[in-house]
PDB file of all heavy atoms in Angstrom:
ATOM      1  N   GLY A   1      -2.467  18.779  14.582  1.00  0.00           N
ATOM      2  CA  GLY A   1      -3.129  20.014  14.174  1.00  0.00           C
ATOM      3  C   GLY A   1      -3.976  19.855  12.923  1.00  0.00           C
ATOM      4  O   GLY A   1      -4.826  20.704  12.630  1.00  0.00           O
ATOM      5  N   LEU A   2      -3.756  18.769  12.180  1.00  0.00           N
ATOM      6  CA  LEU A   2      -4.512  18.546  10.936  1.00  0.00           C
ATOM      7  C   LEU A   2      -5.640  17.533  11.119  1.00  0.00           C
ATOM      8  O   LEU A   2      -6.277  17.148  10.136  1.00  0.00           O
ATOM      9  CB  LEU A   2      -3.566  18.049   9.832  1.00  0.00           C
ATOM     10  CG  LEU A   2      -2.476  19.014   9.377  1.00  0.00           C
ATOM     11  CD1 LEU A   2      -1.594  18.352   8.326  1.00  0.00           C
ATOM     12  CD2 LEU A   2      -3.078  20.302   8.817  1.00  0.00           C
ATOM     13  N   ALA A   3      -5.883  17.104  12.343  1.00  0.00           N
ATOM     14  CA  ALA A   3      -6.864  16.039  12.585  1.00  0.00           C
ATOM     15  C   ALA A   3      -8.236  16.369  12.006  1.00  0.00           C
ATOM     16  O   ALA A   3      -8.891  15.511  11.405  1.00  0.00           O
ATOM     17  CB  ALA A   3      -6.969  15.752  14.075  1.00  0.00           C
ATOM     18  N   SER A   4      -8.676  17.616  12.142  1.00  0.00           N
ATOM     19  CA  SER A   4     -10.008  17.978  11.662  1.00  0.00           C
ATOM     20  C   SER A   4     -10.074  18.017  10.135  1.00  0.00           C
ATOM     21  O   SER A   4     -11.155  17.927   9.553  1.00  0.00           O
ATOM     22  CB  SER A   4     -10.414  19.348  12.227  1.00  0.00           C
ATOM     23  OG  SER A   4      -9.487  20.349  11.838  1.00  0.00           O
ATOM     24  N   PHE A   5      -8.903  18.148   9.488  1.00  0.00           N
ATOM     25  CA  PHE A   5      -8.870  18.194   8.015  1.00  0.00           C
ATOM     26  C   PHE A   5      -8.620  16.819   7.400  1.00  0.00           C
ATOM     27  O   PHE A   5      -8.710  16.668   6.171  1.00  0.00           O
ATOM     28  CB  PHE A   5      -7.766  19.150   7.546  1.00  0.00           C
ATOM     29  CG  PHE A   5      -7.923  20.554   8.048  1.00  0.00           C
ATOM     30  CD1 PHE A   5      -7.159  21.015   9.111  1.00  0.00           C
ATOM     31  CD2 PHE A   5      -8.846  21.412   7.479  1.00  0.00           C
ATOM     32  CE1 PHE A   5      -7.285  22.306   9.582  1.00  0.00           C
ATOM     33  CE2 PHE A   5      -8.991  22.713   7.937  1.00  0.00           C
ATOM     34  CZ  PHE A   5      -8.218  23.163   8.999  1.00  0.00           C
ATOM     35  N   LEU A   6      -8.289  15.842   8.241  1.00  0.00           N
ATOM     36  CA  LEU A   6      -7.914  14.513   7.736  1.00  0.00           C
ATOM     37  C   LEU A   6      -8.761  13.429   8.400  1.00  0.00           C
ATOM     38  O   LEU A   6      -8.252  12.605   9.176  1.00  0.00           O
ATOM     39  CB  LEU A   6      -6.426  14.254   7.992  1.00  0.00           C
ATOM     40  CG  LEU A   6      -5.444  15.296   7.441  1.00  0.00           C
ATOM     41  CD1 LEU A   6      -4.044  15.017   7.924  1.00  0.00           C
ATOM     42  CD2 LEU A   6      -5.498  15.337   5.910  1.00  0.00           C
ATOM     43  N   PRO A   7     -10.048  13.408   8.114  1.00  0.00           N
ATOM     44  CA  PRO A   7     -10.923  12.429   8.779  1.00  0.00           C
ATOM     45  C   PRO A   7     -10.713  10.990   8.290  1.00  0.00           C
ATOM     46  O   PRO A   7     -11.095  10.047   8.970  1.00  0.00           O
ATOM     47  CB  PRO A   7     -12.327  12.917   8.427  1.00  0.00           C
ATOM     48  CG  PRO A   7     -12.146  13.652   7.130  1.00  0.00           C
ATOM     49  CD  PRO A   7     -10.803  14.288   7.203  1.00  0.00           C
ATOM     50  N   THR A   8     -10.122  10.826   7.109  1.00  0.00           N
ATOM     51  CA  THR A   8      -9.936   9.487   6.535  1.00  0.00           C
ATOM     52  C   THR A   8      -8.535   9.383   5.933  1.00  0.00           C
ATOM     53  O   THR A   8      -7.849  10.394   5.726  1.00  0.00           O
ATOM     54  CB  THR A   8     -10.963   9.208   5.424  1.00  0.00           C
ATOM     55  OG1 THR A   8     -10.771  10.174   4.377  1.00  0.00           O
ATOM     56  CG2 THR A   8     -12.381   9.291   5.960  1.00  0.00           C
ATOM     57  N   LEU A   9      -8.149   8.157   5.620  1.00  0.00           N
ATOM     58  CA  LEU A   9      -6.864   7.962   4.960  1.00  0.00           C
ATOM     59  C   LEU A   9      -6.870   8.568   3.559  1.00  0.00           C
ATOM     60  O   LEU A   9      -5.868   9.124   3.109  1.00  0.00           O
ATOM     61  CB  LEU A   9      -6.535   6.468   4.881  1.00  0.00           C
ATOM     62  CG  LEU A   9      -5.176   6.140   4.250  1.00  0.00           C
ATOM     63  CD1 LEU A   9      -4.045   6.615   5.135  1.00  0.00           C
ATOM     64  CD2 LEU A   9      -5.040   4.643   3.994  1.00  0.00           C
ATOM     65  N   SER A  10      -7.998   8.481   2.886  1.00  0.00           N
ATOM     66  CA  SER A  10      -8.071   9.048   1.533  1.00  0.00           C
ATOM     67  C   SER A  10      -7.839  10.557   1.556  1.00  0.00           C
ATOM     68  O   SER A  10      -7.255  11.112   0.612  1.00  0.00           O
ATOM     69  CB  SER A  10      -9.422   8.726   0.887  1.00  0.00           C
ATOM     70  OG  SER A  10     -10.481   9.271   1.638  1.00  0.00           O
ATOM     71  N   SER A  11      -8.273  11.212   2.618  1.00  0.00           N
ATOM     72  CA  SER A  11      -8.031  12.663   2.725  1.00  0.00           C
ATOM     73  C   SER A  11      -6.534  12.947   2.879  1.00  0.00           C
ATOM     74  O   SER A  11      -6.034  13.957   2.381  1.00  0.00           O
ATOM     75  CB  SER A  11      -8.814  13.253   3.898  1.00  0.00           C
ATOM     76  OG  SER A  11      -8.406  12.679   5.134  1.00  0.00           O
ATOM     77  N   ILE A  12      -5.828  12.056   3.565  1.00  0.00           N
ATOM     78  CA  ILE A  12      -4.369  12.202   3.678  1.00  0.00           C
ATOM     79  C   ILE A  12      -3.718  12.034   2.308  1.00  0.00           C
ATOM     80  O   ILE A  12      -2.848  12.821   1.915  1.00  0.00           O
ATOM     81  CB  ILE A  12      -3.802  11.161   4.665  1.00  0.00           C
ATOM     82  CG1 ILE A  12      -4.282  11.456   6.089  1.00  0.00           C
ATOM     83  CG2 ILE A  12      -2.273  11.137   4.613  1.00  0.00           C
ATOM     84  CD1 ILE A  12      -3.855  10.421   7.103  1.00  0.00           C
ATOM     85  N   LEU A  13      -4.150  11.013   1.579  1.00  0.00           N
ATOM     86  CA  LEU A  13      -3.562  10.738   0.268  1.00  0.00           C
ATOM     87  C   LEU A  13      -3.814  11.877  -0.707  1.00  0.00           C
ATOM     88  O   LEU A  13      -2.963  12.187  -1.551  1.00  0.00           O
ATOM     89  CB  LEU A  13      -4.126   9.429  -0.291  1.00  0.00           C
ATOM     90  CG  LEU A  13      -3.835   8.172   0.534  1.00  0.00           C
ATOM     91  CD1 LEU A  13      -4.495   6.953  -0.109  1.00  0.00           C
ATOM     92  CD2 LEU A  13      -2.340   7.947   0.695  1.00  0.00           C
ATOM     93  N   ARG A  14      -4.968  12.519  -0.604  1.00  0.00           N
ATOM     94  CA  ARG A  14      -5.264  13.649  -1.495  1.00  0.00           C
ATOM     95  C   ARG A  14      -4.455  14.885  -1.098  1.00  0.00           C
ATOM     96  O   ARG A  14      -3.884  15.557  -1.961  1.00  0.00           O
ATOM     97  CB  ARG A  14      -6.762  13.974  -1.463  1.00  0.00           C
ATOM     98  CG  ARG A  14      -7.649  12.971  -2.176  1.00  0.00           C
ATOM     99  CD  ARG A  14      -9.047  13.534  -2.372  1.00  0.00           C
ATOM    100  NE  ARG A  14      -9.661  13.895  -1.107  1.00  0.00           N
ATOM    101  CZ  ARG A  14     -10.412  13.061  -0.370  1.00  0.00           C
ATOM    102  NH1 ARG A  14     -10.620  11.819  -0.786  1.00  0.00           N
ATOM    103  NH2 ARG A  14     -10.947  13.456   0.766  1.00  0.00           N
ATOM    104  N   ARG A  15      -4.403  15.166   0.197  1.00  0.00           N
ATOM    105  CA  ARG A  15      -3.762  16.404   0.659  1.00  0.00           C
ATOM    106  C   ARG A  15      -2.237  16.358   0.526  1.00  0.00           C
ATOM    107  O   ARG A  15      -1.603  17.399   0.266  1.00  0.00           O
ATOM    108  CB  ARG A  15      -4.159  16.672   2.117  1.00  0.00           C
ATOM    109  CG  ARG A  15      -3.642  18.023   2.651  1.00  0.00           C
ATOM    110  CD  ARG A  15      -4.049  18.242   4.090  1.00  0.00           C
ATOM    111  NE  ARG A  15      -3.512  19.483   4.602  1.00  0.00           N
ATOM    112  CZ  ARG A  15      -4.219  20.585   4.852  1.00  0.00           C
ATOM    113  NH1 ARG A  15      -5.525  20.597   4.626  1.00  0.00           N
ATOM    114  NH2 ARG A  15      -3.630  21.675   5.325  1.00  0.00           N
ATOM    115  N   LYS A  16      -1.647  15.185   0.699  1.00  0.00           N
ATOM    116  CA  LYS A  16      -0.185  15.102   0.676  1.00  0.00           C
ATOM    117  C   LYS A  16       0.402  15.438  -0.692  1.00  0.00           C
ATOM    118  O   LYS A  16       1.605  15.688  -0.811  1.00  0.00           O
ATOM    119  CB  LYS A  16       0.274  13.718   1.127  1.00  0.00           C
ATOM    120  CG  LYS A  16       0.139  12.607   0.095  1.00  0.00           C
ATOM    121  CD  LYS A  16       0.609  11.277   0.648  1.00  0.00           C
ATOM    122  CE  LYS A  16       0.532  10.164  -0.381  1.00  0.00           C
ATOM    123  NZ  LYS A  16       1.462  10.361  -1.494  1.00  0.00           N
ATOM    124  N   ILE A  17      -0.429  15.455  -1.735  1.00  0.00           N
ATOM    125  CA  ILE A  17       0.046  15.788  -3.080  1.00  0.00           C
ATOM    126  C   ILE A  17       0.572  17.220  -3.123  1.00  0.00           C
ATOM    127  O   ILE A  17       1.583  17.498  -3.785  1.00  0.00           O
ATOM    128  CB  ILE A  17      -1.086  15.593  -4.105  1.00  0.00           C
ATOM    129  CG1 ILE A  17      -1.492  14.113  -4.170  1.00  0.00           C
ATOM    130  CG2 ILE A  17      -0.671  16.086  -5.483  1.00  0.00           C
ATOM    131  CD1 ILE A  17      -2.706  13.850  -5.028  1.00  0.00           C
ATOM    132  N   TRP A  18      -0.089  18.122  -2.384  1.00  0.00           N
ATOM    133  CA  TRP A  18       0.343  19.522  -2.410  1.00  0.00           C
ATOM    134  C   TRP A  18       0.873  20.012  -1.065  1.00  0.00           C
ATOM    135  O   TRP A  18       1.504  21.067  -0.992  1.00  0.00           O
ATOM    136  CB  TRP A  18      -0.812  20.429  -2.860  1.00  0.00           C
ATOM    137  CG  TRP A  18      -2.076  20.285  -2.040  1.00  0.00           C
ATOM    138  CD1 TRP A  18      -3.119  19.459  -2.287  1.00  0.00           C
ATOM    139  CD2 TRP A  18      -2.406  21.007  -0.843  1.00  0.00           C
ATOM    140  NE1 TRP A  18      -4.098  19.600  -1.325  1.00  0.00           N
ATOM    141  CE2 TRP A  18      -3.688  20.548  -0.422  1.00  0.00           C
ATOM    142  CE3 TRP A  18      -1.765  21.979  -0.083  1.00  0.00           C
ATOM    143  CZ2 TRP A  18      -4.313  21.043   0.722  1.00  0.00           C
ATOM    144  CZ3 TRP A  18      -2.391  22.470   1.048  1.00  0.00           C
ATOM    145  CH2 TRP A  18      -3.659  22.003   1.442  1.00  0.00           C
ATOM    146  N   ASP A  19       0.655  19.247   0.010  1.00  0.00           N
ATOM    147  CA  ASP A  19       1.146  19.622   1.338  1.00  0.00           C
ATOM    148  C   ASP A  19       2.472  18.892   1.590  1.00  0.00           C
ATOM    149  O   ASP A  19       2.495  17.698   1.898  1.00  0.00           O
ATOM    150  CB  ASP A  19       0.107  19.237   2.398  1.00  0.00           C
ATOM    151  CG  ASP A  19       0.446  19.788   3.776  1.00  0.00           C
ATOM    152  OD1 ASP A  19       1.648  19.925   4.087  1.00  0.00           O
ATOM    153  OD2 ASP A  19      -0.486  20.047   4.563  1.00  0.00           O
ATOM    154  N   MET A  20       3.592  19.611   1.465  1.00  0.00           N
ATOM    155  CA  MET A  20       4.902  18.982   1.560  1.00  0.00           C
ATOM    156  C   MET A  20       5.193  18.443   2.963  1.00  0.00           C
ATOM    157  O   MET A  20       5.839  17.401   3.120  1.00  0.00           O
ATOM    158  CB  MET A  20       5.992  19.983   1.160  1.00  0.00           C
ATOM    159  CG  MET A  20       5.830  20.523  -0.252  1.00  0.00           C
ATOM    160  SD  MET A  20       5.721  19.197  -1.500  1.00  0.00           S
ATOM    161  CE  MET A  20       7.341  18.468  -1.374  1.00  0.00           C
ATOM    162  N   ASP A  21       4.711  19.146   4.002  1.00  0.00           N
ATOM    163  CA  ASP A  21       4.916  18.661   5.375  1.00  0.00           C
ATOM    164  C   ASP A  21       4.177  17.341   5.592  1.00  0.00           C
ATOM    165  O   ASP A  21       4.715  16.416   6.217  1.00  0.00           O
ATOM    166  CB  ASP A  21       4.414  19.699   6.388  1.00  0.00           C
ATOM    167  CG  ASP A  21       5.325  20.912   6.444  1.00  0.00           C
ATOM    168  OD1 ASP A  21       6.511  20.776   6.045  1.00  0.00           O
ATOM    169  OD2 ASP A  21       4.874  21.985   6.883  1.00  0.00           O
ATOM    170  N   LEU A  22       2.966  17.266   5.104  1.00  0.00           N
ATOM    171  CA  LEU A  22       2.194  16.034   5.241  1.00  0.00           C
ATOM    172  C   LEU A  22       2.833  14.911   4.422  1.00  0.00           C
ATOM    173  O   LEU A  22       2.867  13.750   4.862  1.00  0.00           O
ATOM    174  CB  LEU A  22       0.754  16.264   4.794  1.00  0.00           C
ATOM    175  CG  LEU A  22      -0.211  15.083   4.969  1.00  0.00           C
ATOM    176  CD1 LEU A  22      -0.295  14.666   6.433  1.00  0.00           C
ATOM    177  CD2 LEU A  22      -1.595  15.432   4.440  1.00  0.00           C
ATOM    178  N   GLU A  23       3.341  15.246   3.254  1.00  0.00           N
ATOM    179  CA  GLU A  23       4.039  14.257   2.423  1.00  0.00           C
ATOM    180  C   GLU A  23       5.251  13.691   3.167  1.00  0.00           C
ATOM    181  O   GLU A  23       5.494  12.474   3.150  1.00  0.00           O
ATOM    182  CB  GLU A  23       4.483  14.918   1.110  1.00  0.00           C
ATOM    183  CG  GLU A  23       5.452  14.095   0.268  1.00  0.00           C
ATOM    184  CD  GLU A  23       4.832  12.836  -0.299  1.00  0.00           C
ATOM    185  OE1 GLU A  23       3.591  12.790  -0.416  1.00  0.00           O
ATOM    186  OE2 GLU A  23       5.589  11.906  -0.619  1.00  0.00           O
ATOM    187  N   ALA A  24       6.002  14.578   3.845  1.00  0.00           N
ATOM    188  CA  ALA A  24       7.171  14.128   4.604  1.00  0.00           C
ATOM    189  C   ALA A  24       6.745  13.230   5.768  1.00  0.00           C
ATOM    190  O   ALA A  24       7.404  12.216   6.063  1.00  0.00           O
ATOM    191  CB  ALA A  24       7.948  15.340   5.126  1.00  0.00           C
ATOM    192  N   THR A  25       5.643  13.582   6.428  1.00  0.00           N
ATOM    193  CA  THR A  25       5.138  12.764   7.524  1.00  0.00           C
ATOM    194  C   THR A  25       4.708  11.396   7.029  1.00  0.00           C
ATOM    195  O   THR A  25       5.043  10.361   7.616  1.00  0.00           O
ATOM    196  CB  THR A  25       3.941  13.463   8.208  1.00  0.00           C
ATOM    197  OG1 THR A  25       4.362  14.728   8.714  1.00  0.00           O
ATOM    198  CG2 THR A  25       3.391  12.608   9.348  1.00  0.00           C
ATOM    199  N   TRP A  26       3.978  11.388   5.936  1.00  0.00           N
ATOM    200  CA  TRP A  26       3.512  10.130   5.336  1.00  0.00           C
ATOM    201  C   TRP A  26       4.691   9.238   4.964  1.00  0.00           C
ATOM    202  O   TRP A  26       4.694   8.034   5.245  1.00  0.00           O
ATOM    203  CB  TRP A  26       2.658  10.451   4.113  1.00  0.00           C
ATOM    204  CG  TRP A  26       2.260   9.265   3.296  1.00  0.00           C
ATOM    205  CD1 TRP A  26       2.771   8.896   2.095  1.00  0.00           C
ATOM    206  CD2 TRP A  26       1.246   8.303   3.617  1.00  0.00           C
ATOM    207  NE1 TRP A  26       2.158   7.760   1.635  1.00  0.00           N
ATOM    208  CE2 TRP A  26       1.211   7.378   2.550  1.00  0.00           C
ATOM    209  CE3 TRP A  26       0.378   8.132   4.681  1.00  0.00           C
ATOM    210  CZ2 TRP A  26       0.345   6.295   2.527  1.00  0.00           C
ATOM    211  CZ3 TRP A  26      -0.502   7.052   4.660  1.00  0.00           C
ATOM    212  CH2 TRP A  26      -0.513   6.154   3.599  1.00  0.00           C
ATOM    213  N   THR A  27       5.700   9.836   4.351  1.00  0.00           N
ATOM    214  CA  THR A  27       6.891   9.087   3.940  1.00  0.00           C
ATOM    215  C   THR A  27       7.626   8.502   5.138  1.00  0.00           C
ATOM    216  O   THR A  27       8.194   7.406   5.057  1.00  0.00           O
ATOM    217  CB  THR A  27       7.841   9.998   3.137  1.00  0.00           C
ATOM    218  OG1 THR A  27       7.134  10.531   2.011  1.00  0.00           O
ATOM    219  CG2 THR A  27       9.051   9.235   2.647  1.00  0.00           C
ATOM    220  N   SER A  28       7.623   9.225   6.261  1.00  0.00           N
ATOM    221  CA  SER A  28       8.312   8.729   7.462  1.00  0.00           C
ATOM    222  C   SER A  28       7.511   7.646   8.183  1.00  0.00           C
ATOM    223  O   SER A  28       8.080   6.811   8.893  1.00  0.00           O
ATOM    224  CB  SER A  28       8.586   9.892   8.423  1.00  0.00           C
ATOM    225  OG  SER A  28       7.369  10.381   8.988  1.00  0.00           O
ATOM    226  N   VAL A  29       6.182   7.640   7.998  1.00  0.00           N
ATOM    227  CA  VAL A  29       5.330   6.660   8.684  1.00  0.00           C
ATOM    228  C   VAL A  29       5.405   5.284   8.020  1.00  0.00           C
ATOM    229  O   VAL A  29       5.414   4.256   8.699  1.00  0.00           O
ATOM    230  CB  VAL A  29       3.868   7.172   8.711  1.00  0.00           C
ATOM    231  CG1 VAL A  29       2.901   6.043   9.060  1.00  0.00           C
ATOM    232  CG2 VAL A  29       3.738   8.308   9.724  1.00  0.00           C
ATOM    233  N   LEU A  30       5.456   5.254   6.694  1.00  0.00           N
ATOM    234  CA  LEU A  30       5.411   3.978   5.965  1.00  0.00           C
ATOM    235  C   LEU A  30       6.468   2.970   6.434  1.00  0.00           C
ATOM    236  O   LEU A  30       6.137   1.795   6.666  1.00  0.00           O
ATOM    237  CB  LEU A  30       5.544   4.231   4.461  1.00  0.00           C
ATOM    238  CG  LEU A  30       4.379   4.962   3.790  1.00  0.00           C
ATOM    239  CD1 LEU A  30       4.658   5.133   2.298  1.00  0.00           C
ATOM    240  CD2 LEU A  30       3.072   4.209   4.001  1.00  0.00           C
ATOM    241  N   PRO A  31       7.743   3.371   6.587  1.00  0.00           N
ATOM    242  CA  PRO A  31       8.741   2.378   7.022  1.00  0.00           C
ATOM    243  C   PRO A  31       8.480   1.820   8.415  1.00  0.00           C
ATOM    244  O   PRO A  31       8.951   0.722   8.732  1.00  0.00           O
ATOM    245  CB  PRO A  31      10.057   3.176   6.989  1.00  0.00           C
ATOM    246  CG  PRO A  31       9.803   4.320   6.064  1.00  0.00           C
ATOM    247  CD  PRO A  31       8.360   4.658   6.248  1.00  0.00           C
ATOM    248  N   GLU A  32       7.759   2.545   9.245  1.00  0.00           N
ATOM    249  CA  GLU A  32       7.437   2.038  10.583  1.00  0.00           C
ATOM    250  C   GLU A  32       6.607   0.759  10.500  1.00  0.00           C
ATOM    251  O   GLU A  32       6.640  -0.076  11.409  1.00  0.00           O
ATOM    252  CB  GLU A  32       6.670   3.098  11.380  1.00  0.00           C
ATOM    253  CG  GLU A  32       7.478   4.357  11.681  1.00  0.00           C
ATOM    254  CD  GLU A  32       6.681   5.364  12.483  1.00  0.00           C
ATOM    255  OE1 GLU A  32       5.606   4.987  13.028  1.00  0.00           O
ATOM    256  OE2 GLU A  32       7.111   6.533  12.567  1.00  0.00           O
ATOM    257  N   PHE A  33       5.877   0.602   9.410  1.00  0.00           N
ATOM    258  CA  PHE A  33       5.057  -0.590   9.195  1.00  0.00           C
ATOM    259  C   PHE A  33       5.661  -1.518   8.133  1.00  0.00           C
ATOM    260  O   PHE A  33       5.002  -2.471   7.696  1.00  0.00           O
ATOM    261  CB  PHE A  33       3.638  -0.178   8.785  1.00  0.00           C
ATOM    262  CG  PHE A  33       2.911   0.615   9.833  1.00  0.00           C
ATOM    263  CD1 PHE A  33       3.012   1.995   9.883  1.00  0.00           C
ATOM    264  CD2 PHE A  33       2.125  -0.026  10.783  1.00  0.00           C
ATOM    265  CE1 PHE A  33       2.341   2.734  10.858  1.00  0.00           C
ATOM    266  CE2 PHE A  33       1.450   0.695  11.765  1.00  0.00           C
ATOM    267  CZ  PHE A  33       1.566   2.079  11.804  1.00  0.00           C
ATOM    268  N   GLY A  34       6.890  -1.205   7.722  1.00  0.00           N
ATOM    269  CA  GLY A  34       7.546  -2.042   6.716  1.00  0.00           C
ATOM    270  C   GLY A  34       6.953  -1.911   5.326  1.00  0.00           C
ATOM    271  O   GLY A  34       6.993  -2.850   4.542  1.00  0.00           O
ATOM    272  N   LEU A  35       6.397  -0.735   5.020  1.00  0.00           N
ATOM    273  CA  LEU A  35       5.721  -0.525   3.733  1.00  0.00           C
ATOM    274  C   LEU A  35       6.402   0.572   2.924  1.00  0.00           C
ATOM    275  O   LEU A  35       7.176   1.361   3.467  1.00  0.00           O
ATOM    276  CB  LEU A  35       4.252  -0.137   3.966  1.00  0.00           C
ATOM    277  CG  LEU A  35       3.378  -1.142   4.722  1.00  0.00           C
ATOM    278  CD1 LEU A  35       2.026  -0.517   5.046  1.00  0.00           C
ATOM    279  CD2 LEU A  35       3.202  -2.420   3.912  1.00  0.00           C
ATOM    280  N   ASN A  36       6.085   0.617   1.637  1.00  0.00           N
ATOM    281  CA  ASN A  36       6.500   1.734   0.787  1.00  0.00           C
ATOM    282  C   ASN A  36       5.290   2.222  -0.003  1.00  0.00           C
ATOM    283  O   ASN A  36       4.179   1.709   0.152  1.00  0.00           O
ATOM    284  CB  ASN A  36       7.658   1.334  -0.137  1.00  0.00           C
ATOM    285  CG  ASN A  36       7.308   0.150  -1.021  1.00  0.00           C
ATOM    286  OD1 ASN A  36       6.195   0.064  -1.546  1.00  0.00           O
ATOM    287  ND2 ASN A  36       8.237  -0.770  -1.200  1.00  0.00           N
ATOM    288  N   GLU A  37       5.505   3.215  -0.854  1.00  0.00           N
ATOM    289  CA  GLU A  37       4.390   3.828  -1.577  1.00  0.00           C
ATOM    290  C   GLU A  37       3.671   2.826  -2.478  1.00  0.00           C
ATOM    291  O   GLU A  37       2.443   2.821  -2.570  1.00  0.00           O
ATOM    292  CB  GLU A  37       4.916   5.004  -2.405  1.00  0.00           C
ATOM    293  CG  GLU A  37       3.829   5.904  -2.966  1.00  0.00           C
ATOM    294  CD  GLU A  37       3.112   6.702  -1.881  1.00  0.00           C
ATOM    295  OE1 GLU A  37       3.762   7.125  -0.905  1.00  0.00           O
ATOM    296  OE2 GLU A  37       1.886   6.884  -2.020  1.00  0.00           O
ATOM    297  N   SER A  38       4.438   1.971  -3.156  1.00  0.00           N
ATOM    298  CA  SER A  38       3.822   0.963  -4.038  1.00  0.00           C
ATOM    299  C   SER A  38       2.955  -0.009  -3.242  1.00  0.00           C
ATOM    300  O   SER A  38       1.888  -0.434  -3.708  1.00  0.00           O
ATOM    301  CB  SER A  38       4.914   0.190  -4.789  1.00  0.00           C
ATOM    302  OG  SER A  38       5.638   1.040  -5.650  1.00  0.00           O
ATOM    303  N   ASP A  39       3.412  -0.357  -2.035  1.00  0.00           N
ATOM    304  CA  ASP A  39       2.635  -1.262  -1.183  1.00  0.00           C
ATOM    305  C   ASP A  39       1.277  -0.656  -0.830  1.00  0.00           C
ATOM    306  O   ASP A  39       0.244  -1.337  -0.896  1.00  0.00           O
ATOM    307  CB  ASP A  39       3.404  -1.581   0.103  1.00  0.00           C
ATOM    308  CG  ASP A  39       4.695  -2.339  -0.164  1.00  0.00           C
ATOM    309  OD1 ASP A  39       4.773  -3.034  -1.189  1.00  0.00           O
ATOM    310  OD2 ASP A  39       5.626  -2.220   0.661  1.00  0.00           O
ATOM    311  N   THR A  40       1.283   0.616  -0.440  1.00  0.00           N
ATOM    312  CA  THR A  40       0.021   1.249  -0.033  1.00  0.00           C
ATOM    313  C   THR A  40      -0.945   1.371  -1.213  1.00  0.00           C
ATOM    314  O   THR A  40      -2.158   1.240  -1.044  1.00  0.00           O
ATOM    315  CB  THR A  40       0.270   2.651   0.572  1.00  0.00           C
ATOM    316  OG1 THR A  40       0.978   3.461  -0.376  1.00  0.00           O
ATOM    317  CG2 THR A  40       1.088   2.544   1.843  1.00  0.00           C
ATOM    318  N   LYS A  41      -0.404   1.610  -2.414  1.00  0.00           N
ATOM    319  CA  LYS A  41      -1.273   1.666  -3.597  1.00  0.00           C
ATOM    320  C   LYS A  41      -1.926   0.305  -3.839  1.00  0.00           C
ATOM    321  O   LYS A  41      -3.122   0.227  -4.173  1.00  0.00           O
ATOM    322  CB  LYS A  41      -0.464   2.095  -4.817  1.00  0.00           C
ATOM    323  CG  LYS A  41      -0.062   3.562  -4.800  1.00  0.00           C
ATOM    324  CD  LYS A  41       0.739   3.929  -6.038  1.00  0.00           C
ATOM    325  CE  LYS A  41       1.122   5.402  -6.013  1.00  0.00           C
ATOM    326  NZ  LYS A  41       1.938   5.789  -7.197  1.00  0.00           N
ATOM    327  N   ALA A  42      -1.153  -0.764  -3.658  1.00  0.00           N
ATOM    328  CA  ALA A  42      -1.703  -2.107  -3.842  1.00  0.00           C
ATOM    329  C   ALA A  42      -2.771  -2.402  -2.801  1.00  0.00           C
ATOM    330  O   ALA A  42      -3.826  -2.983  -3.109  1.00  0.00           O
ATOM    331  CB  ALA A  42      -0.580  -3.137  -3.759  1.00  0.00           C
ATOM    332  N   LEU A  43      -2.529  -2.002  -1.550  1.00  0.00           N
ATOM    333  CA  LEU A  43      -3.498  -2.243  -0.474  1.00  0.00           C
ATOM    334  C   LEU A  43      -4.775  -1.437  -0.693  1.00  0.00           C
ATOM    335  O   LEU A  43      -5.886  -1.939  -0.446  1.00  0.00           O
ATOM    336  CB  LEU A  43      -2.869  -1.899   0.874  1.00  0.00           C
ATOM    337  CG  LEU A  43      -1.670  -2.770   1.278  1.00  0.00           C
ATOM    338  CD1 LEU A  43      -1.053  -2.266   2.579  1.00  0.00           C
ATOM    339  CD2 LEU A  43      -2.077  -4.229   1.418  1.00  0.00           C
TER     340      LEU A  43
END
């Protein structure tokens, strides 16, 4: 449902700061790729 509001990864990173549902989704996705928040910042 947020596809039109999230055209890029940077838009996800900006929106998740205040969107708690998106933050929870982002947090659940990272382990699927073996990553954490510090890893994504480095990448």
